[in-house]
N, C-alpha and C. Protein backbone atom coordinates (compact mmCIF):
# COMPACT_ATOMS: atom_id res chain seq x y z
N ILE A 1 96.31 56.68 60.05
CA ILE A 1 96.57 55.86 60.59
C ILE A 1 97.43 55.96 60.71
N ALA A 2 98.83 56.35 60.00
CA ALA A 2 100.46 56.53 60.12
C ALA A 2 100.50 57.74 61.55
N VAL A 3 99.80 58.60 60.97
CA VAL A 3 100.06 59.33 61.85
C VAL A 3 99.74 59.45 63.13
N ALA A 4 98.13 58.70 63.37
CA ALA A 4 97.64 58.48 64.63
C ALA A 4 98.74 57.55 65.46
N LEU A 5 99.54 56.93 64.62
CA LEU A 5 100.15 55.99 65.27
C LEU A 5 101.50 56.62 65.81
N GLY A 6 102.38 57.47 64.54
CA GLY A 6 103.26 58.00 64.37
C GLY A 6 103.75 58.83 65.60
N ILE A 7 102.83 59.87 66.17
CA ILE A 7 103.37 60.86 66.92
C ILE A 7 103.61 60.29 67.98
N PRO A 8 102.24 59.91 68.71
CA PRO A 8 102.81 58.86 70.22
C PRO A 8 103.87 58.14 70.48
N LEU A 9 104.19 57.29 69.16
CA LEU A 9 105.48 56.54 69.09
C LEU A 9 106.82 57.40 69.27
N GLY A 10 106.34 58.56 68.63
CA GLY A 10 107.97 59.72 68.33
C GLY A 10 107.71 60.34 70.02
N ILE A 11 106.45 60.45 70.76
CA ILE A 11 106.47 61.08 72.04
C ILE A 11 107.50 60.18 72.71
N ALA A 12 107.01 58.99 72.87
CA ALA A 12 107.13 58.09 73.70
C ALA A 12 109.15 57.92 73.34
N ALA A 13 109.80 57.96 72.06
CA ALA A 13 110.63 57.76 71.97
C ALA A 13 111.40 59.10 72.41
N ALA A 14 110.41 60.30 72.49
CA ALA A 14 111.62 61.50 73.04
C ALA A 14 111.50 61.21 74.40
N ARG A 15 110.87 61.10 74.91
CA ARG A 15 110.58 60.82 76.37
C ARG A 15 111.21 59.43 77.21
N SER A 16 111.95 59.02 76.19
CA SER A 16 113.12 57.56 76.81
C SER A 16 113.20 57.71 75.72
N ASP A 17 115.02 56.86 76.17
CA ASP A 17 116.07 56.25 75.49
C ASP A 17 116.17 55.23 75.17
N TRP A 18 115.29 54.43 76.01
CA TRP A 18 115.51 52.82 75.74
C TRP A 18 114.41 52.68 74.42
N VAL A 19 112.94 53.43 74.22
CA VAL A 19 112.38 53.09 73.47
C VAL A 19 112.81 53.73 71.94
N GLU A 20 113.64 55.17 72.24
CA GLU A 20 114.19 55.10 71.17
C GLU A 20 115.13 54.17 70.65
N PHE A 21 116.20 53.20 71.50
CA PHE A 21 116.84 52.63 70.80
C PHE A 21 116.08 51.03 70.53
N ILE A 22 115.20 50.74 70.92
CA ILE A 22 114.35 50.30 70.28
C ILE A 22 113.75 50.13 68.98
N LEU A 23 113.30 51.63 68.79
CA LEU A 23 112.29 51.81 67.36
C LEU A 23 113.81 52.38 66.17
N ARG A 24 115.06 52.71 66.91
CA ARG A 24 115.94 53.46 65.72
C ARG A 24 115.97 52.14 64.68
N PRO A 25 116.30 50.78 65.05
CA PRO A 25 117.00 50.36 64.16
C PRO A 25 115.38 49.97 63.25
N ILE A 26 114.22 49.81 63.79
CA ILE A 26 112.84 49.27 62.85
C ILE A 26 112.26 50.26 61.93
N LEU A 27 112.81 51.73 62.64
CA LEU A 27 112.95 52.71 61.27
C LEU A 27 114.06 52.34 60.56
N ASP A 28 115.18 52.88 60.69
CA ASP A 28 115.93 52.63 60.02
C ASP A 28 115.72 50.93 59.04
N PHE A 29 115.59 50.14 59.08
CA PHE A 29 114.82 48.99 58.42
C PHE A 29 113.43 49.43 57.62
N LEU A 30 112.92 50.19 57.63
CA LEU A 30 111.62 50.23 57.30
C LEU A 30 111.61 51.72 56.06
N GLN A 31 113.02 52.12 56.46
CA GLN A 31 113.34 53.53 55.14
C GLN A 31 114.22 52.93 54.44
N THR A 32 114.55 51.34 54.66
CA THR A 32 115.36 51.42 53.37
C THR A 32 115.01 50.14 52.08
N ILE A 33 113.76 49.75 52.46
CA ILE A 33 112.71 48.59 52.29
C ILE A 33 112.33 49.75 50.94
N PRO A 34 112.23 48.86 49.88
CA PRO A 34 111.89 49.95 48.37
C PRO A 34 110.72 49.86 48.60
N GLN A 35 109.59 50.80 48.15
CA GLN A 35 107.74 50.68 48.08
C GLN A 35 107.43 49.39 48.00
N PHE A 36 107.93 48.79 46.95
CA PHE A 36 106.75 47.56 46.45
C PHE A 36 107.23 46.37 46.91
N VAL A 37 107.96 46.40 47.95
CA VAL A 37 108.45 45.20 48.82
C VAL A 37 107.56 45.17 49.80
N TYR A 38 106.81 46.33 50.74
CA TYR A 38 106.16 46.38 51.90
C TYR A 38 105.23 45.21 51.06
N LEU A 39 104.63 44.85 50.26
CA LEU A 39 103.37 44.74 49.34
C LEU A 39 103.82 42.64 50.24
N VAL A 40 105.04 42.44 49.28
CA VAL A 40 104.68 40.91 49.74
C VAL A 40 104.36 40.36 50.85
N PRO A 41 104.92 40.79 51.84
CA PRO A 41 104.68 39.97 53.02
C PRO A 41 103.26 40.04 53.09
N VAL A 42 102.66 41.37 53.39
CA VAL A 42 101.36 41.56 54.08
C VAL A 42 100.68 40.60 52.86
N ILE A 43 100.31 40.49 51.37
CA ILE A 43 99.92 40.05 50.46
C ILE A 43 99.55 38.28 51.19
N MET A 44 100.76 37.93 51.18
CA MET A 44 101.24 36.37 51.67
C MET A 44 100.49 36.24 53.48
N LEU A 45 99.79 37.47 54.33
CA LEU A 45 99.27 37.06 54.99
C LEU A 45 97.56 37.41 54.99
N PHE A 46 97.63 38.65 54.30
CA PHE A 46 95.73 38.92 53.93
C PHE A 46 94.93 38.66 52.73
N ASN A 47 96.67 38.44 51.38
CA ASN A 47 95.89 38.16 50.32
C ASN A 47 95.49 39.87 49.97
N VAL A 48 94.90 39.58 48.18
CA VAL A 48 94.64 41.48 48.01
C VAL A 48 93.86 41.73 48.25
N GLY A 49 93.60 43.05 48.43
CA GLY A 49 92.78 43.86 48.57
C GLY A 49 93.44 45.44 49.57
N ARG A 50 92.07 45.92 50.40
CA ARG A 50 92.39 46.86 50.77
C ARG A 50 93.33 47.02 51.91
N VAL A 51 93.18 46.19 52.18
CA VAL A 51 93.73 45.67 53.88
C VAL A 51 95.44 45.58 53.53
N PRO A 52 96.14 45.06 52.74
CA PRO A 52 97.49 44.72 52.37
C PRO A 52 97.88 46.33 51.96
N GLY A 53 96.77 46.74 51.32
CA GLY A 53 97.33 48.61 50.57
C GLY A 53 97.36 49.02 51.89
N VAL A 54 96.59 49.29 53.06
CA VAL A 54 96.17 50.24 53.71
C VAL A 54 97.53 49.97 54.59
N ILE A 55 98.15 48.02 54.65
CA ILE A 55 99.01 47.75 56.01
C ILE A 55 100.41 48.38 55.16
N ALA A 56 100.15 47.80 54.38
CA ALA A 56 101.58 48.75 53.43
C ALA A 56 102.37 49.92 53.14
N SER A 57 100.89 50.72 53.25
CA SER A 57 100.99 52.56 52.92
C SER A 57 101.67 52.65 54.32
N VAL A 58 100.93 52.30 55.69
CA VAL A 58 101.10 52.84 57.33
C VAL A 58 102.52 52.36 57.09
N LEU A 59 103.10 51.45 56.90
CA LEU A 59 104.17 50.94 57.23
C LEU A 59 105.96 51.23 56.42
N TYR A 60 104.97 51.83 54.83
CA TYR A 60 106.13 53.03 54.35
C TYR A 60 105.88 54.34 54.87
N ALA A 61 104.69 55.07 55.54
CA ALA A 61 104.91 56.30 55.69
C ALA A 61 104.79 56.51 57.18
N ILE A 62 105.24 55.10 57.87
CA ILE A 62 105.17 56.20 59.87
C ILE A 62 106.49 56.75 60.07
N PRO A 63 107.39 56.27 59.81
CA PRO A 63 109.24 56.81 60.04
C PRO A 63 109.49 58.15 59.83
N PRO A 64 108.93 58.78 58.73
CA PRO A 64 108.68 60.00 59.28
C PRO A 64 108.16 61.18 60.18
N VAL A 65 106.97 60.82 60.49
CA VAL A 65 106.61 61.02 61.84
C VAL A 65 106.95 60.57 63.18
N ILE A 66 107.44 59.40 63.06
CA ILE A 66 107.97 59.08 64.15
C ILE A 66 109.16 60.10 64.71
N ARG A 67 110.38 60.14 63.62
CA ARG A 67 111.59 60.52 63.71
C ARG A 67 111.34 62.05 63.85
N LEU A 68 110.47 62.68 63.41
CA LEU A 68 110.36 64.41 63.40
C LEU A 68 109.70 64.58 64.84
N THR A 69 108.83 64.12 64.96
CA THR A 69 108.21 64.24 66.29
C THR A 69 108.94 64.34 67.10
N ASN A 70 109.66 63.07 67.74
CA ASN A 70 110.85 62.74 68.72
C ASN A 70 111.68 64.03 68.47
N LEU A 71 112.80 64.10 67.60
CA LEU A 71 113.53 65.16 66.88
C LEU A 71 112.79 66.36 67.89
N GLY A 72 111.81 66.89 67.55
CA GLY A 72 110.80 68.27 67.75
C GLY A 72 110.94 68.24 69.32
N ILE A 73 110.81 67.40 69.71
CA ILE A 73 110.28 67.33 70.97
C ILE A 73 111.66 67.05 71.97
N ARG A 74 112.77 66.32 71.51
CA ARG A 74 114.21 66.70 72.16
C ARG A 74 114.73 67.97 71.84
N GLN A 75 114.71 68.47 71.11
CA GLN A 75 115.05 69.87 70.42
C GLN A 75 114.71 71.06 71.37
N VAL A 76 113.65 70.47 72.25
CA VAL A 76 112.92 71.93 73.15
C VAL A 76 114.31 72.34 74.51
N SER A 77 114.47 73.82 73.66
CA SER A 77 115.49 74.26 74.76
C SER A 77 115.83 73.37 76.68
N PRO A 78 116.74 72.86 76.72
CA PRO A 78 116.17 72.80 78.30
C PRO A 78 116.26 73.95 79.44
N ASN A 79 116.89 75.54 78.81
CA ASN A 79 115.99 76.33 79.28
C ASN A 79 115.13 76.23 79.62
N THR A 80 113.99 76.22 78.66
CA THR A 80 112.17 76.12 78.92
C THR A 80 112.24 75.10 79.42
N LEU A 81 112.52 74.01 79.59
CA LEU A 81 111.99 72.96 80.16
C LEU A 81 112.21 73.02 81.73
N GLU A 82 113.53 73.59 82.06
CA GLU A 82 113.81 74.22 83.33
C GLU A 82 112.64 75.13 84.00
N ALA A 83 112.27 76.02 83.19
CA ALA A 83 111.22 77.49 83.56
C ALA A 83 110.18 76.51 84.00
N ALA A 84 109.55 76.04 82.68
CA ALA A 84 108.36 75.16 82.88
C ALA A 84 108.35 74.60 84.53
N ASP A 85 109.35 73.77 84.96
CA ASP A 85 109.67 73.11 86.28
C ASP A 85 109.70 74.04 87.40
N MET A 86 110.49 74.70 87.03
CA MET A 86 110.08 76.44 88.08
C MET A 86 109.07 76.68 88.48
N PHE A 87 107.97 76.68 87.54
CA PHE A 87 106.68 76.94 87.39
C PHE A 87 105.69 75.86 88.29
N GLY A 88 106.39 75.14 88.68
CA GLY A 88 105.43 73.55 89.25
C GLY A 88 104.28 72.73 88.19
N SER A 89 104.83 72.60 86.51
CA SER A 89 104.45 72.21 85.68
C SER A 89 104.72 70.79 86.27
N THR A 90 103.64 69.61 85.54
CA THR A 90 103.55 68.55 85.82
C THR A 90 104.11 67.51 84.55
N ALA A 91 104.96 66.48 84.52
CA ALA A 91 105.27 66.22 82.87
C ALA A 91 104.43 66.07 82.05
N TRP A 92 103.16 65.62 82.51
CA TRP A 92 102.12 65.91 81.42
C TRP A 92 101.42 67.27 80.77
N GLN A 93 101.90 68.00 81.66
CA GLN A 93 101.65 70.18 81.20
C GLN A 93 103.10 70.40 80.71
N LYS A 94 103.94 69.65 81.26
CA LYS A 94 105.11 70.06 79.65
C LYS A 94 105.19 69.92 79.01
N LEU A 95 104.43 68.55 79.09
CA LEU A 95 104.24 68.15 77.39
C LEU A 95 103.11 68.75 76.24
N MET A 96 102.74 68.53 77.54
CA MET A 96 101.38 69.51 76.55
C MET A 96 101.10 70.40 76.00
N LYS A 97 101.84 71.89 77.03
CA LYS A 97 101.81 73.29 76.99
C LYS A 97 102.94 73.36 76.87
N VAL A 98 104.50 72.67 76.70
CA VAL A 98 105.71 73.04 76.59
C VAL A 98 106.10 73.14 74.90
N GLN A 99 106.57 71.46 75.13
CA GLN A 99 107.26 71.04 74.25
C GLN A 99 106.41 70.33 72.88
N LEU A 100 105.30 69.83 73.01
CA LEU A 100 104.42 69.80 71.85
C LEU A 100 104.22 71.70 71.03
N PRO A 101 103.92 72.16 71.87
CA PRO A 101 104.22 73.40 71.11
C PRO A 101 105.16 74.42 70.30
N LEU A 102 105.67 73.93 71.06
CA LEU A 102 107.71 74.57 70.55
C LEU A 102 108.28 73.31 69.38
N ALA A 103 107.61 72.05 69.49
CA ALA A 103 107.81 70.93 68.86
C ALA A 103 106.76 70.90 67.15
N ARG A 104 106.02 71.79 67.38
CA ARG A 104 104.85 71.88 66.21
C ARG A 104 105.45 72.05 64.99
N PRO A 105 106.42 72.63 64.57
CA PRO A 105 107.05 72.87 63.34
C PRO A 105 107.31 71.62 63.02
N SER A 106 108.33 70.62 63.38
CA SER A 106 108.52 69.73 63.26
C SER A 106 107.69 68.34 63.28
N ILE A 107 107.43 68.61 64.35
CA ILE A 107 105.62 67.64 63.78
C ILE A 107 105.12 67.29 62.61
N MET A 108 104.94 69.08 61.95
CA MET A 108 103.96 69.26 60.62
C MET A 108 104.77 69.03 59.92
N ALA A 109 105.82 68.80 59.55
CA ALA A 109 106.81 68.38 58.69
C ALA A 109 106.39 66.99 58.98
N GLY A 110 106.86 66.11 59.98
CA GLY A 110 106.90 65.16 59.50
C GLY A 110 105.40 64.30 59.33
N ILE A 111 104.47 65.17 59.75
CA ILE A 111 102.68 64.69 58.95
C ILE A 111 102.84 64.88 57.94
N ASN A 112 103.28 66.10 57.03
CA ASN A 112 103.42 66.22 55.94
C ASN A 112 104.14 65.19 55.10
N GLN A 113 105.40 64.98 55.47
CA GLN A 113 106.44 63.66 54.80
C GLN A 113 105.16 62.66 54.91
N THR A 114 104.90 62.52 56.02
CA THR A 114 103.84 60.93 56.16
C THR A 114 102.69 61.14 55.04
N VAL A 115 101.78 61.97 54.60
CA VAL A 115 100.99 62.11 53.77
C VAL A 115 101.60 61.81 52.58
N MET A 116 102.19 62.72 51.97
CA MET A 116 103.54 62.41 50.65
C MET A 116 103.73 61.32 50.17
N MET A 117 104.32 60.96 51.72
CA MET A 117 104.73 58.97 51.52
C MET A 117 103.14 58.17 51.04
N VAL A 118 101.81 58.00 52.03
CA VAL A 118 100.80 57.59 51.88
C VAL A 118 100.46 57.60 50.82
N LEU A 119 100.74 58.96 49.32
CA LEU A 119 99.98 59.17 48.12
C LEU A 119 101.38 58.28 47.17
N ALA A 120 101.97 58.62 47.59
CA ALA A 120 103.28 58.30 46.43
C ALA A 120 103.30 56.23 46.81
N MET A 121 102.47 55.84 47.36
CA MET A 121 102.68 54.35 47.74
C MET A 121 100.41 54.35 46.65
N VAL A 122 99.88 54.75 46.87
CA VAL A 122 98.01 54.76 46.27
C VAL A 122 98.36 53.92 44.92
N ILE A 123 99.29 54.73 44.12
CA ILE A 123 99.43 53.34 43.06
C ILE A 123 99.81 52.13 43.33
N ILE A 124 100.74 52.19 44.13
CA ILE A 124 101.44 50.74 44.61
C ILE A 124 100.50 50.04 44.82
N ALA A 125 99.44 50.45 46.03
CA ALA A 125 98.04 49.77 46.39
C ALA A 125 97.54 49.37 45.46
N GLY A 126 96.99 50.16 44.95
CA GLY A 126 96.29 49.75 43.42
C GLY A 126 96.24 48.72 42.38
N LEU A 127 97.67 48.18 42.57
CA LEU A 127 98.31 47.09 41.83
C LEU A 127 97.81 46.01 42.63
N VAL A 128 97.47 46.03 44.05
CA VAL A 128 97.16 45.13 44.59
C VAL A 128 95.71 44.62 44.59
N GLY A 129 94.58 45.75 44.44
CA GLY A 129 93.62 45.47 44.52
C GLY A 129 92.96 46.19 45.92
N GLY A 130 93.43 47.78 45.58
CA GLY A 130 93.55 48.65 47.32
C GLY A 130 92.58 49.69 47.07
N GLY A 131 92.50 49.70 45.81
CA GLY A 131 90.87 50.70 45.61
C GLY A 131 90.78 51.97 45.59
N ALA A 132 90.12 52.76 45.01
CA ALA A 132 90.31 54.45 45.18
C ALA A 132 91.27 54.95 44.24
N LEU A 133 92.16 55.95 44.09
CA LEU A 133 92.46 56.14 43.21
C LEU A 133 93.33 55.47 42.49
N GLY A 134 94.59 54.64 43.07
CA GLY A 134 95.72 53.96 42.47
C GLY A 134 95.06 52.79 41.77
N TYR A 135 93.89 52.13 42.13
CA TYR A 135 93.12 51.49 41.58
C TYR A 135 92.24 51.96 40.46
N GLU A 136 92.26 52.77 40.16
CA GLU A 136 91.57 53.65 38.88
C GLU A 136 92.98 53.88 37.82
N ALA A 137 94.11 54.45 38.82
CA ALA A 137 95.10 54.42 37.59
C ALA A 137 95.62 53.49 37.09
N VAL A 138 95.61 52.65 37.95
CA VAL A 138 95.86 51.09 37.34
C VAL A 138 95.22 50.40 36.40
N THR A 139 94.19 50.68 36.67
CA THR A 139 92.75 49.76 35.71
C THR A 139 93.02 50.55 34.43
N GLY A 140 93.32 51.75 34.32
CA GLY A 140 93.44 52.67 33.42
C GLY A 140 94.05 52.47 32.33
N LEU A 141 95.99 52.58 33.34
CA LEU A 141 96.45 51.64 32.13
C LEU A 141 96.40 50.28 31.93
N ALA A 142 96.05 49.49 32.46
CA ALA A 142 95.91 47.98 32.19
C ALA A 142 94.90 47.71 30.79
N LYS A 143 93.69 48.76 31.02
CA LYS A 143 92.73 48.44 30.04
C LYS A 143 93.21 49.40 28.95
N SER A 144 94.01 50.24 29.00
CA SER A 144 94.54 50.61 27.63
C SER A 144 93.15 52.50 27.87
N GLN A 145 92.91 53.06 29.02
CA GLN A 145 91.72 54.22 28.95
C GLN A 145 92.36 55.27 29.36
N LEU A 146 93.12 55.93 28.57
CA LEU A 146 94.17 56.98 28.59
C LEU A 146 93.55 58.01 29.35
N GLY A 147 92.21 58.39 29.70
CA GLY A 147 91.56 58.94 30.07
C GLY A 147 91.37 59.12 31.25
N ARG A 148 91.01 57.88 31.63
CA ARG A 148 90.85 57.07 32.63
C ARG A 148 92.17 57.29 34.12
N GLY A 149 93.29 56.93 33.11
CA GLY A 149 94.77 56.93 34.45
C GLY A 149 94.72 58.70 34.25
N ILE A 150 94.91 59.20 33.46
CA ILE A 150 94.95 60.34 33.72
C ILE A 150 94.30 61.48 34.55
N GLU A 151 93.12 61.05 34.74
CA GLU A 151 92.46 62.05 35.50
C GLU A 151 92.58 61.54 37.14
N SER A 152 92.73 60.08 37.12
CA SER A 152 93.40 59.80 38.39
C SER A 152 94.16 60.32 39.22
N GLY A 153 95.21 59.89 37.75
CA GLY A 153 96.50 60.36 38.14
C GLY A 153 96.81 62.08 38.96
N LEU A 154 96.09 62.70 38.07
CA LEU A 154 95.83 64.43 38.03
C LEU A 154 95.14 64.62 39.50
N ALA A 155 94.09 63.61 40.16
CA ALA A 155 93.36 63.72 41.04
C ALA A 155 94.38 63.67 42.17
N ILE A 156 95.14 62.50 41.86
CA ILE A 156 96.40 62.18 43.27
C ILE A 156 97.44 63.58 43.41
N VAL A 157 97.74 63.90 42.26
CA VAL A 157 98.50 65.11 42.33
C VAL A 157 98.38 65.97 42.38
N LEU A 158 96.93 66.41 42.17
CA LEU A 158 96.13 67.92 43.50
C LEU A 158 95.86 67.31 44.18
N LEU A 159 95.38 65.87 45.28
CA LEU A 159 95.17 65.68 46.34
C LEU A 159 97.03 66.04 46.92
N ALA A 160 97.35 65.61 46.89
CA ALA A 160 99.10 66.02 46.93
C ALA A 160 99.45 67.26 47.18
N VAL A 161 98.86 68.30 46.63
CA VAL A 161 99.18 69.81 46.63
C VAL A 161 98.59 69.93 47.80
N VAL A 162 97.21 70.31 47.74
CA VAL A 162 96.38 70.25 48.60
C VAL A 162 96.88 70.34 49.85
N LEU A 163 96.95 69.01 50.17
CA LEU A 163 97.41 68.62 51.45
C LEU A 163 98.85 68.98 51.84
N ASP A 164 99.64 68.41 51.21
CA ASP A 164 101.06 70.05 51.25
C ASP A 164 100.95 71.21 51.38
N ARG A 165 100.07 72.22 51.24
CA ARG A 165 99.85 73.01 51.83
C ARG A 165 99.27 73.32 52.65
N ILE A 166 98.16 72.62 53.10
CA ILE A 166 97.72 72.57 54.62
C ILE A 166 98.63 72.24 55.76
N THR A 167 99.26 71.17 55.66
CA THR A 167 100.31 71.17 56.38
C THR A 167 101.56 71.99 56.72
N GLN A 168 101.65 72.40 55.64
CA GLN A 168 102.73 73.51 55.92
C GLN A 168 102.28 74.56 56.24
N ALA A 169 100.72 74.89 55.71
CA ALA A 169 100.27 76.20 56.95
C ALA A 169 100.30 75.86 58.25
N TRP A 170 99.77 74.85 58.74
CA TRP A 170 99.75 74.20 60.13
C TRP A 170 101.33 74.29 60.90
N GLY A 171 101.66 74.31 60.26
CA GLY A 171 103.21 73.89 60.74
C GLY A 171 103.69 75.24 60.52
N LYS A 172 103.60 76.13 60.32
CA LYS A 172 103.46 77.56 60.14
C LYS A 172 103.11 78.31 60.97
N SER A 173 101.90 77.87 61.22
CA SER A 173 100.67 79.33 61.97
C SER A 173 101.09 79.40 63.40
N GLN A 174 100.94 80.16 64.16
CA GLN A 174 100.90 80.52 65.74
C GLN A 174 99.87 79.21 66.00
N THR A 175 100.68 79.18 67.28
CA THR A 175 99.57 77.64 68.26
C THR A 175 98.46 78.53 68.75
């Protein structure tokens, strides 16, 4: 969800200084809040369960993908954009065929960071009944079931390593 929301917001920020001006303080604020604090207002609004865990994870993880998508698109050489203009490209064609492919390594770095940040929130989301591996790890710790806690913790680490390698490979591969 964070990637699906973050990439379009990053594109909008790259194409409009006004959008970047609006998003910058919001992203700065989101990046300075400690992980656990994200849950407080969300739990007050939605009670405990999966919804607060998902919302808190998205809010925590969305800034890197927005910032790095914006940065990647803005770093496309003006000469390259001028060449696209000379060939008669529309704004949409420039975005889809020039800017996004050239910004791909930066965008994939943002996706990688977002995925890692969501996985960092898994245990915290498990504290409020977020379900899945985070809940299993918290339950294992709470009930002194060492094996259950270690098993789910190792599953989270393995998932993080696999997703990290996949997103890094996609960022390095040719379009």
